[in-house]
C-alpha cells in the first residue's frame, strides 16, 4: 500500500512512471479501497506549498488541470465512482485538484488510454491473472508496470527492465535488455576451418593454437594475428 501511495501520488502524480491503471483482485478489492482511501485521506493532504501539512500540491498548469478534470468527468460519465475527490472546489487555487480515487474503471474510458498526469488513482477490478493481463493489454500505451503481492505462490512472471512501447516511446532501459539499446547485434559465421568445438571468443582473440589440444598466444595488443 505504501509503495502504491508513493508511486502514484509523488509529484502530485506528475511523473512518467506514476501508475496510471491500478488493477486489484476481486477478493481483496473492497478492503483495498477502504484502506487506500483511509491512508490517502490521512496522509496525502492537498494544500499550499508553504504549509508543512501539505503532501500534494498543484498540477503544473491550468491546461494540465483541465485535462485531469476532463478525464475524471469522462470516467464518471461512463460508470466510474469517485470514492474521494473527483471534483474541484470553486474556491481552490486555479491549478489545485483534490486527491481522487476512482473505482469501477474500464478500458472504454479515456483515462485508460492516456497518461493522467495528476493525483487521480484509477482502480480496475479483476478476477484471474488471465483477466488482468487481457485488461492491461487493452491499451495502445505502456511504459512501466509494477506487481505487488504477498504470497510468492501467486507471483506473476514478468520482464526485467524499464520499457516504453506501442504509442509510448520505443526504448528500454535497465537490465540486460536495456544494454541492447547501446549495442549493435551482428552475426559472425565461421566455416571450413576444420577445428574442434572451441569457444568463439578464443578463436577471435587468437588464443586457439589450432592443434586441437590447447590454446596458444597468437595475439598482440588488440590485433588478432592469423
C-alpha atoms as a PDB file:
ATOM      1  CA  UNK A   1       0.000   0.000   0.000  1.00  0.00           C
ATOM      2  CA  UNK A   2       2.809   2.387   0.886  1.00  0.00           C
ATOM      3  CA  UNK A   3       4.575   1.641  -2.390  1.00  0.00           C
ATOM      4  CA  UNK A   4       1.447   2.355  -4.395  1.00  0.00           C
ATOM      5  CA  UNK A   5       0.710   5.534  -2.491  1.00  0.00           C
ATOM      6  CA  UNK A   6       4.221   6.835  -3.046  1.00  0.00           C
ATOM      7  CA  UNK A   7       4.372   5.753  -6.673  1.00  0.00           C
ATOM      8  CA  UNK A   8       1.024   7.181  -7.627  1.00  0.00           C
ATOM      9  CA  UNK A   9       0.968  10.407  -5.647  1.00  0.00           C
ATOM     10  CA  UNK A  10       4.562  11.651  -5.503  1.00  0.00           C
ATOM     11  CA  UNK A  11       4.979  14.813  -7.516  1.00  0.00           C
ATOM     12  CA  UNK A  12       1.180  15.093  -7.452  1.00  0.00           C
ATOM     13  CA  UNK A  13       1.044  12.158  -9.864  1.00  0.00           C
ATOM     14  CA  UNK A  14       3.078  14.048 -12.464  1.00  0.00           C
ATOM     15  CA  UNK A  15       5.914  11.588 -13.100  1.00  0.00           C
ATOM     16  CA  UNK A  16       6.322   9.455 -16.203  1.00  0.00           C
ATOM     17  CA  UNK A  17       6.408   6.263 -14.113  1.00  0.00           C
ATOM     18  CA  UNK A  18       3.362   7.094 -11.993  1.00  0.00           C
ATOM     19  CA  UNK A  19       0.926   4.136 -12.122  1.00  0.00           C
ATOM     20  CA  UNK A  20      -1.893   5.057 -14.478  1.00  0.00           C
ATOM     21  CA  UNK A  21      -4.098   1.979 -14.027  1.00  0.00           C
ATOM     22  CA  UNK A  22      -4.322   0.083 -10.732  1.00  0.00           C
ATOM     23  CA  UNK A  23      -5.622  -3.494 -11.019  1.00  0.00           C
ATOM     24  CA  UNK A  24      -6.915  -5.078  -7.811  1.00  0.00           C
ATOM     25  CA  UNK A  25      -8.058  -8.685  -7.473  1.00  0.00           C
ATOM     26  CA  UNK A  26     -11.769  -9.055  -6.680  1.00  0.00           C
ATOM     27  CA  UNK A  27     -11.161 -10.959  -3.452  1.00  0.00           C
ATOM     28  CA  UNK A  28      -9.393  -8.007  -1.808  1.00  0.00           C
ATOM     29  CA  UNK A  29     -10.870  -5.163  -3.855  1.00  0.00           C
ATOM     30  CA  UNK A  30     -13.267  -3.688  -1.302  1.00  0.00           C
ATOM     31  CA  UNK A  31     -10.841  -3.981   1.628  1.00  0.00           C
ATOM     32  CA  UNK A  32      -8.107  -2.476  -0.527  1.00  0.00           C
ATOM     33  CA  UNK A  33     -10.254   0.514  -1.491  1.00  0.00           C
ATOM     34  CA  UNK A  34     -11.231   1.118   2.143  1.00  0.00           C
ATOM     35  CA  UNK A  35      -7.610   1.060   3.370  1.00  0.00           C
ATOM     36  CA  UNK A  36      -6.215   3.028   0.421  1.00  0.00           C
ATOM     37  CA  UNK A  37      -8.878   5.687   0.883  1.00  0.00           C
ATOM     38  CA  UNK A  38      -8.130   5.892   4.610  1.00  0.00           C
ATOM     39  CA  UNK A  39      -4.398   6.350   4.009  1.00  0.00           C
ATOM     40  CA  UNK A  40      -4.857   8.956   1.285  1.00  0.00           C
ATOM     41  CA  UNK A  41      -7.266  10.932   3.468  1.00  0.00           C
ATOM     42  CA  UNK A  42      -4.929  10.808   6.453  1.00  0.00           C
ATOM     43  CA  UNK A  43      -1.540  11.248   4.803  1.00  0.00           C
ATOM     44  CA  UNK A  44      -1.979  12.954   1.440  1.00  0.00           C
ATOM     45  CA  UNK A  45      -3.393  16.342   2.311  1.00  0.00           C
ATOM     46  CA  UNK A  46      -3.803  18.784  -0.567  1.00  0.00           C
ATOM     47  CA  UNK A  47      -2.776  22.339   0.197  1.00  0.00           C
ATOM     48  CA  UNK A  48      -0.362  25.222  -0.194  1.00  0.00           C
ATOM     49  CA  UNK A  49       3.380  24.657  -0.644  1.00  0.00           C
ATOM     50  CA  UNK A  50       4.297  26.646   2.479  1.00  0.00           C
ATOM     51  CA  UNK A  51       2.072  24.530   4.719  1.00  0.00           C
ATOM     52  CA  UNK A  52       4.037  21.756   6.455  1.00  0.00           C
ATOM     53  CA  UNK A  53       0.938  19.566   6.427  1.00  0.00           C
ATOM     54  CA  UNK A  54       0.723  19.632   2.634  1.00  0.00           C
ATOM     55  CA  UNK A  55       1.617  16.395   0.825  1.00  0.00           C
ATOM     56  CA  UNK A  56       0.006  17.174  -2.536  1.00  0.00           C
ATOM     57  CA  UNK A  57       0.379  20.448  -4.377  1.00  0.00           C
ATOM     58  CA  UNK A  58      -0.881  21.903  -7.620  1.00  0.00           C
ATOM     59  CA  UNK A  59      -0.584  20.417 -11.082  1.00  0.00           C
ATOM     60  CA  UNK A  60       1.866  22.149 -13.375  1.00  0.00           C
ATOM     61  CA  UNK A  61      -0.563  24.372 -15.324  1.00  0.00           C
ATOM     62  CA  UNK A  62      -4.193  25.278 -15.899  1.00  0.00           C
ATOM     63  CA  UNK A  63      -4.093  23.166 -19.080  1.00  0.00           C
ATOM     64  CA  UNK A  64      -2.970  20.170 -17.025  1.00  0.00           C
ATOM     65  CA  UNK A  65      -5.812  20.723 -14.586  1.00  0.00           C
ATOM     66  CA  UNK A  66      -8.311  20.962 -17.458  1.00  0.00           C
ATOM     67  CA  UNK A  67      -7.045  17.600 -18.731  1.00  0.00           C
ATOM     68  CA  UNK A  68      -7.419  15.964 -15.315  1.00  0.00           C
ATOM     69  CA  UNK A  69     -10.935  17.344 -14.907  1.00  0.00           C
ATOM     70  CA  UNK A  70     -11.898  16.151 -18.379  1.00  0.00           C
ATOM     71  CA  UNK A  71     -10.570  12.635 -17.774  1.00  0.00           C
ATOM     72  CA  UNK A  72     -12.378  12.343 -14.443  1.00  0.00           C
ATOM     73  CA  UNK A  73     -15.627  13.669 -15.928  1.00  0.00           C
ATOM     74  CA  UNK A  74     -15.391  11.207 -18.828  1.00  0.00           C
ATOM     75  CA  UNK A  75     -14.788   8.276 -16.454  1.00  0.00           C
ATOM     76  CA  UNK A  76     -17.696   9.234 -14.218  1.00  0.00           C
ATOM     77  CA  UNK A  77     -19.994   9.596 -17.220  1.00  0.00           C
ATOM     78  CA  UNK A  78     -19.129   6.008 -18.192  1.00  0.00           C
ATOM     79  CA  UNK A  79     -19.759   4.458 -14.796  1.00  0.00           C
ATOM     80  CA  UNK A  80     -16.733   5.230 -12.638  1.00  0.00           C
ATOM     81  CA  UNK A  81     -17.344   6.135  -8.994  1.00  0.00           C
ATOM     82  CA  UNK A  82     -15.330   8.767  -7.130  1.00  0.00           C
ATOM     83  CA  UNK A  83     -14.645   7.334  -3.664  1.00  0.00           C
ATOM     84  CA  UNK A  84     -12.914  10.574  -2.682  1.00  0.00           C
ATOM     85  CA  UNK A  85     -12.311  13.755  -4.656  1.00  0.00           C
ATOM     86  CA  UNK A  86     -13.485  13.803  -8.228  1.00  0.00           C
ATOM     87  CA  UNK A  87     -14.483  17.457  -8.257  1.00  0.00           C
ATOM     88  CA  UNK A  88     -12.559  20.648  -7.667  1.00  0.00           C
ATOM     89  CA  UNK A  89     -13.813  23.195  -5.169  1.00  0.00           C
ATOM     90  CA  UNK A  90     -14.649  26.555  -6.735  1.00  0.00           C
ATOM     91  CA  UNK A  91     -12.636  28.409  -4.091  1.00  0.00           C
ATOM     92  CA  UNK A  92      -9.483  26.320  -4.698  1.00  0.00           C
ATOM     93  CA  UNK A  93      -6.454  27.806  -6.462  1.00  0.00           C
ATOM     94  CA  UNK A  94      -6.694  27.566 -10.236  1.00  0.00           C
ATOM     95  CA  UNK A  95      -4.335  24.580 -10.535  1.00  0.00           C
ATOM     96  CA  UNK A  96      -5.213  22.679  -7.355  1.00  0.00           C
ATOM     97  CA  UNK A  97      -7.141  19.432  -7.732  1.00  0.00           C
ATOM     98  CA  UNK A  98      -8.159  17.179  -4.837  1.00  0.00           C
ATOM     99  CA  UNK A  99      -6.681  13.725  -4.335  1.00  0.00           C
ATOM    100  CA  UNK A 100      -9.076  11.424  -6.179  1.00  0.00           C
ATOM    101  CA  UNK A 101      -9.744   7.688  -6.193  1.00  0.00           C
ATOM    102  CA  UNK A 102     -11.952   6.305  -8.957  1.00  0.00           C
ATOM    103  CA  UNK A 103     -13.347   2.767  -8.892  1.00  0.00           C
ATOM    104  CA  UNK A 104     -15.353   0.738 -11.420  1.00  0.00           C
ATOM    105  CA  UNK A 105     -12.973   1.734 -14.196  1.00  0.00           C
ATOM    106  CA  UNK A 106     -12.924   0.079 -17.630  1.00  0.00           C
ATOM    107  CA  UNK A 107     -10.938   0.279 -20.858  1.00  0.00           C
ATOM    108  CA  UNK A 108     -13.567   2.399 -22.621  1.00  0.00           C
ATOM    109  CA  UNK A 109     -12.705   5.424 -20.504  1.00  0.00           C
ATOM    110  CA  UNK A 110     -10.226   7.993 -21.794  1.00  0.00           C
ATOM    111  CA  UNK A 111      -8.153   7.707 -18.609  1.00  0.00           C
ATOM    112  CA  UNK A 112      -7.416   4.102 -19.613  1.00  0.00           C
ATOM    113  CA  UNK A 113      -5.828   5.194 -22.882  1.00  0.00           C
ATOM    114  CA  UNK A 114      -3.658   8.152 -21.893  1.00  0.00           C
ATOM    115  CA  UNK A 115      -1.451   9.446 -19.094  1.00  0.00           C
ATOM    116  CA  UNK A 116      -3.478  11.190 -16.416  1.00  0.00           C
ATOM    117  CA  UNK A 117      -0.532  13.185 -15.050  1.00  0.00           C
ATOM    118  CA  UNK A 118      -2.340  14.180 -11.895  1.00  0.00           C
ATOM    119  CA  UNK A 119      -3.156  12.744  -8.461  1.00  0.00           C
ATOM    120  CA  UNK A 120      -6.068  10.632  -9.641  1.00  0.00           C
ATOM    121  CA  UNK A 121      -5.880   6.918  -8.796  1.00  0.00           C
ATOM    122  CA  UNK A 122      -7.947   4.766 -11.144  1.00  0.00           C
ATOM    123  CA  UNK A 123      -8.796   1.281  -9.853  1.00  0.00           C
ATOM    124  CA  UNK A 124      -9.822  -1.680 -12.016  1.00  0.00           C
ATOM    125  CA  UNK A 125     -11.198  -4.954 -10.648  1.00  0.00           C
ATOM    126  CA  UNK A 126     -10.004  -8.327 -11.989  1.00  0.00           C
ATOM    127  CA  UNK A 127     -10.578 -11.988 -11.150  1.00  0.00           C
ATOM    128  CA  UNK A 128      -7.736 -14.064 -12.605  1.00  0.00           C
ATOM    129  CA  UNK A 129      -4.227 -13.478 -13.939  1.00  0.00           C
ATOM    130  CA  UNK A 130      -5.515 -14.091 -17.456  1.00  0.00           C
ATOM    131  CA  UNK A 131      -8.190 -11.480 -16.849  1.00  0.00           C
ATOM    132  CA  UNK A 132      -5.778  -8.781 -15.652  1.00  0.00           C
ATOM    133  CA  UNK A 133      -3.337  -9.420 -18.498  1.00  0.00           C
ATOM    134  CA  UNK A 134      -6.159  -9.097 -21.014  1.00  0.00           C
ATOM    135  CA  UNK A 135      -7.308  -5.846 -19.410  1.00  0.00           C
ATOM    136  CA  UNK A 136      -3.801  -4.423 -19.280  1.00  0.00           C
ATOM    137  CA  UNK A 137      -3.342  -5.132 -22.988  1.00  0.00           C
ATOM    138  CA  UNK A 138      -6.457  -3.153 -23.911  1.00  0.00           C
ATOM    139  CA  UNK A 139      -4.396  -0.017 -24.339  1.00  0.00           C
ATOM    140  CA  UNK A 140      -2.066   1.339 -27.004  1.00  0.00           C
ATOM    141  CA  UNK A 141       0.253   2.936 -24.456  1.00  0.00           C
ATOM    142  CA  UNK A 142       2.655   1.407 -21.974  1.00  0.00           C
ATOM    143  CA  UNK A 143       5.759   2.433 -20.076  1.00  0.00           C
ATOM    144  CA  UNK A 144       6.251   0.719 -16.714  1.00  0.00           C
ATOM    145  CA  UNK A 145       4.368  -1.896 -14.732  1.00  0.00           C
ATOM    146  CA  UNK A 146       4.511  -2.897 -11.073  1.00  0.00           C
ATOM    147  CA  UNK A 147       3.364  -6.161  -9.461  1.00  0.00           C
ATOM    148  CA  UNK A 148       2.683  -6.063  -5.722  1.00  0.00           C
ATOM    149  CA  UNK A 149       1.905  -9.301  -3.897  1.00  0.00           C
ATOM    150  CA  UNK A 150       2.415 -11.069  -0.570  1.00  0.00           C
ATOM    151  CA  UNK A 151       2.495 -14.766  -1.438  1.00  0.00           C
ATOM    152  CA  UNK A 152       5.245 -15.959  -3.771  1.00  0.00           C
ATOM    153  CA  UNK A 153       2.960 -18.741  -4.984  1.00  0.00           C
ATOM    154  CA  UNK A 154       0.878 -16.085  -6.678  1.00  0.00           C
ATOM    155  CA  UNK A 155       3.863 -14.390  -8.309  1.00  0.00           C
ATOM    156  CA  UNK A 156       3.350 -13.433 -11.919  1.00  0.00           C
ATOM    157  CA  UNK A 157       6.270 -13.836 -14.306  1.00  0.00           C
ATOM    158  CA  UNK A 158       7.409 -10.531 -15.794  1.00  0.00           C
ATOM    159  CA  UNK A 159      10.239  -8.989 -17.724  1.00  0.00           C
ATOM    160  CA  UNK A 160      13.067  -7.085 -16.113  1.00  0.00           C
ATOM    161  CA  UNK A 161      13.969  -3.675 -17.372  1.00  0.00           C
ATOM    162  CA  UNK A 162      12.070  -0.452 -17.820  1.00  0.00           C
ATOM    163  CA  UNK A 163      10.447  -0.104 -21.228  1.00  0.00           C
ATOM    164  CA  UNK A 164       8.219   2.107 -23.301  1.00  0.00           C
ATOM    165  CA  UNK A 165       6.361   0.536 -26.180  1.00  0.00           C
ATOM    166  CA  UNK A 166       3.431   0.945 -28.569  1.00  0.00           C
ATOM    167  CA  UNK A 167       2.471   4.632 -28.625  1.00  0.00           C
ATOM    168  CA  UNK A 168       4.578   5.449 -25.556  1.00  0.00           C
ATOM    169  CA  UNK A 169       8.235   5.713 -26.569  1.00  0.00           C
ATOM    170  CA  UNK A 170      10.217   2.959 -28.276  1.00  0.00           C
ATOM    171  CA  UNK A 171      13.027   2.087 -25.899  1.00  0.00           C
ATOM    172  CA  UNK A 172      14.149   0.065 -22.905  1.00  0.00           C
ATOM    173  CA  UNK A 173      16.487   0.840 -20.035  1.00  0.00           C
ATOM    174  CA  UNK A 174      17.768  -1.192 -17.105  1.00  0.00           C
ATOM    175  CA  UNK A 175      18.553  -4.902 -17.066  1.00  0.00           C
ATOM    176  CA  UNK A 176      20.179  -6.865 -19.886  1.00  0.00           C
ATOM    177  CA  UNK A 177      17.548  -5.652 -22.347  1.00  0.00           C
ATOM    178  CA  UNK A 178      18.462  -2.054 -21.622  1.00  0.00           C
ATOM    179  CA  UNK A 179      22.098  -2.714 -22.569  1.00  0.00           C
ATOM    180  CA  UNK A 180      20.969  -3.783 -26.022  1.00  0.00           C
ATOM    181  CA  UNK A 181      19.931  -0.181 -26.711  1.00  0.00           C
ATOM    182  CA  UNK A 182      23.643   0.698 -26.792  1.00  0.00           C
ATOM    183  CA  UNK A 183      24.820  -2.253 -28.843  1.00  0.00           C
ATOM    184  CA  UNK A 184      24.671  -3.331 -32.469  1.00  0.00           C
ATOM    185  CA  UNK A 185      23.985  -7.046 -32.913  1.00  0.00           C
ATOM    186  CA  UNK A 186      25.964  -8.758 -35.658  1.00  0.00           C
ATOM    187  CA  UNK A 187      26.272 -12.313 -36.975  1.00  0.00           C
ATOM    188  CA  UNK A 188      29.701 -13.903 -37.389  1.00  0.00           C
ATOM    189  CA  UNK A 189      29.817 -17.122 -39.414  1.00  0.00           C
ATOM    190  CA  UNK A 190      32.935 -19.338 -39.430  1.00  0.00           C
ATOM    191  CA  UNK A 191      33.212 -22.276 -41.792  1.00  0.00           C
ATOM    192  CA  UNK A 192      35.728 -24.668 -43.334  1.00  0.00           C
ATOM    193  CA  UNK A 193      38.246 -24.254 -40.512  1.00  0.00           C
ATOM    194  CA  UNK A 194      38.365 -27.955 -39.624  1.00  0.00           C
ATOM    195  CA  UNK A 195      38.563 -27.098 -35.923  1.00  0.00           C
ATOM    196  CA  UNK A 196      37.070 -28.948 -32.943  1.00  0.00           C
ATOM    197  CA  UNK A 197      34.343 -27.164 -30.956  1.00  0.00           C
ATOM    198  CA  UNK A 198      36.032 -24.137 -29.433  1.00  0.00           C
ATOM    199  CA  UNK A 199      34.672 -21.007 -27.695  1.00  0.00           C
ATOM    200  CA  UNK A 200      34.236 -18.379 -30.368  1.00  0.00           C
ATOM    201  CA  UNK A 201      35.935 -15.704 -28.282  1.00  0.00           C
ATOM    202  CA  UNK A 202      39.102 -17.847 -28.140  1.00  0.00           C
ATOM    203  CA  UNK A 203      39.261 -18.014 -31.927  1.00  0.00           C
ATOM    204  CA  UNK A 204      38.613 -14.326 -32.351  1.00  0.00           C
ATOM    205  CA  UNK A 205      41.230 -13.389 -29.747  1.00  0.00           C
ATOM    206  CA  UNK A 206      43.786 -15.734 -31.343  1.00  0.00           C
ATOM    207  CA  UNK A 207      44.106 -17.819 -28.199  1.00  0.00           C
ATOM    208  CA  UNK A 208      43.444 -21.075 -30.045  1.00  0.00           C
ATOM    209  CA  UNK A 209      46.636 -22.718 -31.361  1.00  0.00           C
ATOM    210  CA  UNK A 210      44.898 -24.894 -33.944  1.00  0.00           C
ATOM    211  CA  UNK A 211      46.343 -28.141 -32.595  1.00  0.00           C
ATOM    212  CA  UNK A 212      43.150 -29.388 -31.088  1.00  0.00           C
ATOM    213  CA  UNK A 213      44.815 -29.768 -27.739  1.00  0.00           C
ATOM    214  CA  UNK A 214      45.137 -26.342 -26.258  1.00  0.00           C
ATOM    215  CA  UNK A 215      45.434 -22.628 -26.631  1.00  0.00           C
ATOM    216  CA  UNK A 216      48.366 -20.501 -27.631  1.00  0.00           C
ATOM    217  CA  UNK A 217      49.001 -16.774 -27.509  1.00  0.00           C
ATOM    218  CA  UNK A 218      48.805 -15.587 -31.103  1.00  0.00           C
ATOM    219  CA  UNK A 219      47.547 -12.085 -30.465  1.00  0.00           C
ATOM    220  CA  UNK A 220      49.409  -8.884 -29.897  1.00  0.00           C
ATOM    221  CA  UNK A 221      47.647  -5.954 -28.233  1.00  0.00           C
ATOM    222  CA  UNK A 222      44.188  -5.646 -29.752  1.00  0.00           C
ATOM    223  CA  UNK A 223      45.204  -7.134 -33.128  1.00  0.00           C
ATOM    224  CA  UNK A 224      44.367 -10.717 -33.938  1.00  0.00           C
ATOM    225  CA  UNK A 225      47.350 -12.490 -35.563  1.00  0.00           C
ATOM    226  CA  UNK A 226      46.494 -15.036 -38.247  1.00  0.00           C
END
